[in-house]
Amino acid sequence: MSSATDQQTENQSSAPPTLAEVYAEAPSNPDLLPEPQQYDYWHFTFSPPADYVEGQPHFNTPPIDDTDDARNLLHELRNNVKNGEPPLLPPAIAVRIAWLMNPDRSPAEHAFAEAMTHQYKDAILEIDSNDPTPTPVEGPRRGAKYYIEHALGERYGGADATLAFSLGPYVYENLKERGVSEPEAIKKILEWTQDGRSSFTGDGYTPHLKGTEADGAHEAITKPFTLPLDKTGQSVAHRFAEQRAKFIVTKHLLAPQVRSAA
């Protein structure tokens, strides 16, 4: 009797999670940050540092995380701005990356956070330089970099921003398992997020990312979910994200190479 029960439990745990189970475990949330309306694009906390100069952006460790990795990332970002250097990451995206550095998060989230920190700046510049969007006579150019950073940024983030940081770690993991290099994997993920929307660019509360649509056995993701803290990555939401990432990579991120090689 016990062996039959054990087998039934094993079958249940290996069965693909449903979205209903995901939302029950990790409720839909418009943003990764608690009370995101309390933050703006430049200010990570309410208390400026002692050397804060009025009118200049400032960065403290966000209260959502207090790990060495997160502190180091935000400290380096603040120094970039003080020295007039291009930051490794846009401040709003850095907050999300610091969130993923929480020691209670999964190995996939940690690996994605590290790769984004190291590769984002070069990847976004390469993507934007290959974007044919012309510079208008008046006003700023709104090319790939503009839309990616608005879709992923905390202030203007919505469904796609939340899903990008829930599915992204497992998309990155799957790409690496298939032999894609770290720089190329981050580039592909950023290109994938170009379909994202924010409240600023319009309809930021409905998923637009490729791979969130219904397709055969895959349910349509109609609202975002956040990954719960789970060092093992074995909770329902993590297993769902891992499986959906395989679909995203196979159908959307590597599909052109597969077809051209055939």
Protein backbone atom coordinates (compact mmCIF):
# COMPACT_ATOMS: atom_id res chain seq x y z
CA MET A 1 0.00 0.00 0.00
CA SER A 2 2.77 2.41 0.91
CA SER A 3 4.62 1.77 -2.35
CA ALA A 4 1.47 2.54 -4.34
CA THR A 5 0.98 5.74 -2.38
CA ASP A 6 4.60 6.71 -2.92
CA GLN A 7 4.25 6.10 -6.66
CA GLN A 8 1.10 8.24 -6.78
CA THR A 9 2.87 11.05 -4.95
CA GLU A 10 5.84 10.82 -7.33
CA ASN A 11 3.53 10.97 -10.35
CA GLN A 12 1.78 14.03 -8.96
CA SER A 13 5.06 15.84 -8.27
CA SER A 14 6.35 15.11 -11.80
CA ALA A 15 3.12 16.16 -13.51
CA PRO A 16 3.31 19.53 -15.29
CA PRO A 17 1.99 22.24 -12.96
CA THR A 18 -1.12 24.09 -14.05
CA LEU A 19 -1.49 27.84 -13.98
CA ALA A 20 -4.23 27.47 -11.39
CA GLU A 21 -1.68 25.80 -9.10
CA VAL A 22 0.89 28.48 -9.88
CA TYR A 23 -1.45 31.34 -9.03
CA ALA A 24 -2.53 29.57 -5.85
CA GLU A 25 1.11 29.32 -4.73
CA ALA A 26 2.45 32.60 -6.14
CA PRO A 27 -0.41 35.08 -6.54
CA SER A 28 -0.42 37.54 -9.42
CA ASN A 29 1.44 40.69 -8.55
CA PRO A 30 1.77 43.83 -10.71
CA ASP A 31 5.40 44.16 -9.74
CA LEU A 32 8.18 42.23 -8.03
CA LEU A 33 8.64 44.91 -5.41
CA PRO A 34 6.35 45.26 -2.40
CA GLU A 35 4.42 48.52 -2.63
CA PRO A 36 6.18 49.53 -5.88
CA GLN A 37 4.43 52.90 -5.96
CA GLN A 38 6.68 53.97 -3.06
CA TYR A 39 9.75 53.84 -5.29
CA ASP A 40 10.64 55.96 -8.27
CA TYR A 41 13.10 55.43 -11.07
CA TRP A 42 16.14 56.85 -9.32
CA HIS A 43 15.57 56.50 -5.58
CA PHE A 44 15.95 53.06 -4.10
CA THR A 45 15.11 54.14 -0.56
CA PHE A 46 13.59 57.09 1.21
CA SER A 47 16.79 57.97 3.10
CA PRO A 48 19.53 59.59 0.98
CA PRO A 49 23.17 58.96 1.89
CA ALA A 50 25.18 61.54 3.84
CA ASP A 51 26.92 62.81 0.69
CA TYR A 52 23.69 63.19 -1.30
CA VAL A 53 23.62 66.25 -3.57
CA GLU A 54 20.18 67.70 -4.25
CA GLY A 55 18.98 66.93 -7.75
CA GLN A 56 21.36 64.02 -8.27
CA PRO A 57 20.28 60.35 -8.33
CA HIS A 58 21.22 58.39 -5.25
CA PHE A 59 21.29 54.71 -4.41
CA ASN A 60 21.06 52.86 -1.14
CA THR A 61 20.54 49.17 -0.64
CA PRO A 62 16.82 48.57 -1.18
CA PRO A 63 15.01 47.37 1.92
CA ILE A 64 13.80 44.29 0.01
CA ASP A 65 17.25 42.70 0.26
CA ASP A 66 20.33 43.22 2.39
CA THR A 67 22.87 40.77 1.01
CA ASP A 68 26.50 41.50 0.20
CA ASP A 69 25.91 40.89 -3.53
CA ALA A 70 22.97 43.28 -3.65
CA ARG A 71 24.82 45.95 -1.68
CA ASN A 72 27.88 45.65 -3.90
CA LEU A 73 25.80 45.90 -7.07
CA LEU A 74 23.95 49.01 -5.97
CA HIS A 75 27.12 50.58 -4.55
CA GLU A 76 28.89 50.10 -7.88
CA LEU A 77 25.88 51.50 -9.72
CA ARG A 78 25.85 54.59 -7.52
CA ASN A 79 29.56 55.12 -8.11
CA ASN A 80 29.04 54.84 -11.88
CA VAL A 81 26.56 57.68 -11.78
CA LYS A 82 28.67 59.82 -9.43
CA ASN A 83 31.64 59.44 -11.78
CA GLY A 84 29.59 60.19 -14.89
CA GLU A 85 30.06 56.64 -16.21
CA PRO A 86 27.40 54.53 -17.95
CA PRO A 87 25.82 52.29 -15.29
CA LEU A 88 26.07 48.53 -15.56
CA LEU A 89 22.29 48.40 -15.34
CA PRO A 90 19.49 50.97 -15.40
CA PRO A 91 18.61 51.71 -11.76
CA ALA A 92 15.08 50.34 -12.03
CA ILE A 93 16.33 47.04 -13.45
CA ALA A 94 19.15 46.89 -10.89
CA VAL A 95 16.53 46.86 -8.13
CA ARG A 96 15.01 43.74 -9.65
CA ILE A 97 18.41 42.10 -10.06
CA ALA A 98 19.20 42.85 -6.41
CA TRP A 99 15.92 41.15 -5.55
CA LEU A 100 17.07 37.98 -7.35
CA MET A 101 20.32 37.95 -5.34
CA ASN A 102 18.44 37.03 -2.17
CA PRO A 103 20.27 33.96 -0.74
CA ASP A 104 16.93 32.19 -0.31
CA ARG A 105 16.30 32.27 -4.06
CA SER A 106 17.05 29.46 -6.49
CA PRO A 107 20.33 28.74 -8.31
CA ALA A 108 18.66 29.67 -11.61
CA GLU A 109 17.71 33.11 -10.26
CA HIS A 110 21.22 33.69 -8.88
CA ALA A 111 22.85 32.70 -12.17
CA PHE A 112 20.53 34.97 -14.16
CA ALA A 113 21.18 37.91 -11.82
CA GLU A 114 24.95 37.48 -12.16
CA ALA A 115 24.79 37.18 -15.96
CA MET A 116 22.55 40.23 -16.29
CA THR A 117 24.93 42.26 -14.12
CA HIS A 118 27.93 41.35 -16.27
CA GLN A 119 26.36 41.29 -19.74
CA TYR A 120 23.46 43.76 -19.81
CA LYS A 121 25.37 46.90 -20.79
CA ASP A 122 27.14 45.38 -23.80
CA ALA A 123 24.10 43.37 -24.88
CA ILE A 124 21.69 46.32 -24.87
CA LEU A 125 24.17 48.48 -26.81
CA GLU A 126 24.60 45.79 -29.46
CA ILE A 127 20.84 45.30 -29.80
CA ASP A 128 20.18 49.01 -30.05
CA SER A 129 22.99 49.60 -32.56
CA ASN A 130 21.39 47.01 -34.87
CA ASP A 131 17.95 48.60 -34.56
CA PRO A 132 17.14 50.55 -37.75
CA THR A 133 14.84 53.00 -35.94
CA PRO A 134 15.90 56.47 -37.17
CA THR A 135 16.57 59.41 -34.92
CA PRO A 136 13.71 61.91 -35.33
CA VAL A 137 14.29 65.56 -36.16
CA GLU A 138 12.72 66.48 -32.84
CA GLY A 139 12.59 64.46 -29.64
CA PRO A 140 14.56 61.42 -28.49
CA ARG A 141 15.08 58.29 -30.53
CA ARG A 142 12.92 55.43 -29.29
CA GLY A 143 14.63 52.28 -30.43
CA ALA A 144 15.05 48.81 -28.95
CA LYS A 145 16.92 50.05 -25.87
CA TYR A 146 14.13 52.47 -25.01
CA TYR A 147 11.39 49.86 -25.19
CA ILE A 148 13.34 47.11 -23.44
CA GLU A 149 14.27 49.34 -20.52
CA HIS A 150 10.75 50.69 -20.13
CA ALA A 151 9.23 47.23 -20.32
CA LEU A 152 11.63 45.84 -17.70
CA GLY A 153 11.91 48.90 -15.47
CA GLU A 154 10.25 48.98 -12.06
CA ARG A 155 8.55 52.34 -12.40
CA TYR A 156 6.79 51.52 -15.66
CA GLY A 157 6.77 47.76 -15.21
CA GLY A 158 3.68 45.63 -15.49
CA ALA A 159 2.77 42.10 -16.46
CA ASP A 160 5.68 41.66 -18.87
CA ALA A 161 8.26 43.03 -16.43
CA THR A 162 7.10 40.64 -13.72
CA LEU A 163 6.99 37.65 -16.08
CA ALA A 164 10.39 38.50 -17.57
CA PHE A 165 11.97 38.20 -14.12
CA SER A 166 9.94 35.07 -13.27
CA LEU A 167 10.56 33.22 -16.55
CA GLY A 168 13.91 34.83 -17.43
CA PRO A 169 16.06 32.84 -14.98
CA TYR A 170 14.83 29.56 -16.45
CA VAL A 171 15.03 30.82 -20.03
CA TYR A 172 18.67 31.68 -19.29
CA GLU A 173 19.28 28.30 -17.68
CA ASN A 174 17.79 26.48 -20.68
CA LEU A 175 19.83 28.48 -23.17
CA LYS A 176 23.02 27.70 -21.26
CA GLU A 177 22.14 24.00 -21.17
CA ARG A 178 21.86 24.12 -24.97
CA GLY A 179 25.37 25.52 -25.28
CA VAL A 180 24.55 29.20 -25.77
CA SER A 181 27.23 31.49 -24.33
CA GLU A 182 26.47 33.84 -21.44
CA PRO A 183 26.65 37.05 -23.53
CA GLU A 184 24.52 35.58 -26.31
CA ALA A 185 21.96 34.19 -23.84
CA ILE A 186 21.43 37.60 -22.23
CA LYS A 187 21.19 39.21 -25.66
CA LYS A 188 18.52 36.73 -26.72
CA ILE A 189 16.56 37.29 -23.52
CA LEU A 190 16.65 41.07 -23.96
CA GLU A 191 15.53 40.71 -27.58
CA TRP A 192 12.69 38.50 -26.33
CA THR A 193 11.55 41.27 -23.99
CA GLN A 194 11.17 43.79 -26.84
CA ASP A 195 7.55 42.66 -27.16
CA GLY A 196 6.96 43.72 -23.56
CA ARG A 197 4.74 46.64 -22.62
CA SER A 198 4.64 48.99 -19.69
CA SER A 199 2.04 51.37 -18.35
CA PHE A 200 4.03 54.03 -20.19
CA THR A 201 4.16 52.29 -23.58
CA GLY A 202 0.60 51.00 -23.32
CA ASP A 203 -1.38 48.02 -22.01
CA GLY A 204 1.14 47.10 -19.37
CA TYR A 205 -1.20 44.78 -17.50
CA THR A 206 -1.61 42.07 -20.16
CA PRO A 207 1.26 39.70 -21.06
CA HIS A 208 2.76 40.26 -24.51
CA LEU A 209 5.98 38.24 -24.33
CA LYS A 210 6.37 35.46 -26.86
CA GLY A 211 5.70 32.13 -25.19
CA THR A 212 2.93 33.39 -22.93
CA GLU A 213 0.33 32.50 -25.59
CA ALA A 214 -1.67 29.27 -25.62
CA ASP A 215 -0.06 26.61 -27.79
CA GLY A 216 -1.11 22.98 -27.75
CA ALA A 217 -0.60 21.69 -24.22
CA HIS A 218 0.56 25.12 -23.02
CA GLU A 219 -2.00 27.35 -21.34
CA ALA A 220 -2.10 31.06 -22.10
CA ILE A 221 -0.53 33.09 -19.31
CA THR A 222 -3.14 35.81 -18.84
CA LYS A 223 -1.68 37.51 -15.78
CA PRO A 224 1.75 37.67 -14.15
CA PHE A 225 3.07 35.62 -11.26
CA THR A 226 6.14 35.97 -9.09
CA LEU A 227 8.43 33.16 -8.02
CA PRO A 228 8.31 32.39 -4.29
CA LEU A 229 11.50 32.14 -2.27
CA ASP A 230 12.72 28.59 -2.85
CA LYS A 231 16.38 27.57 -2.69
CA THR A 232 15.61 24.23 -4.38
CA GLY A 233 13.60 25.63 -7.29
CA GLN A 234 11.15 22.74 -6.89
CA SER A 235 7.99 24.63 -5.94
CA VAL A 236 5.04 24.69 -8.32
CA ALA A 237 5.78 28.14 -9.75
CA HIS A 238 9.45 27.33 -10.30
CA ARG A 239 8.65 24.04 -12.05
CA PHE A 240 6.08 25.80 -14.23
CA ALA A 241 8.60 28.52 -15.14
CA GLU A 242 11.22 25.90 -15.99
CA GLN A 243 8.85 24.02 -18.30
CA ARG A 244 7.49 27.15 -19.99
CA ALA A 245 11.07 28.35 -20.52
CA LYS A 246 11.82 25.23 -22.59
CA PHE A 247 8.86 26.08 -24.82
CA ILE A 248 9.96 29.73 -25.13
CA VAL A 249 13.51 28.75 -26.07
CA THR A 250 12.50 26.01 -28.52
CA LYS A 251 9.74 27.89 -30.31
CA HIS A 252 10.89 31.50 -30.16
CA LEU A 253 14.52 32.03 -29.18
CA LEU A 254 16.29 29.26 -31.10
CA ALA A 255 13.69 28.44 -33.72
CA PRO A 256 15.33 30.50 -36.55
CA GLN A 257 18.63 28.63 -36.17
CA VAL A 258 16.84 25.29 -36.16
CA ARG A 259 14.94 26.11 -39.37
CA SER A 260 17.99 27.47 -41.19
CA ALA A 261 20.03 24.38 -40.30
CA ALA A 262 17.34 21.99 -41.54
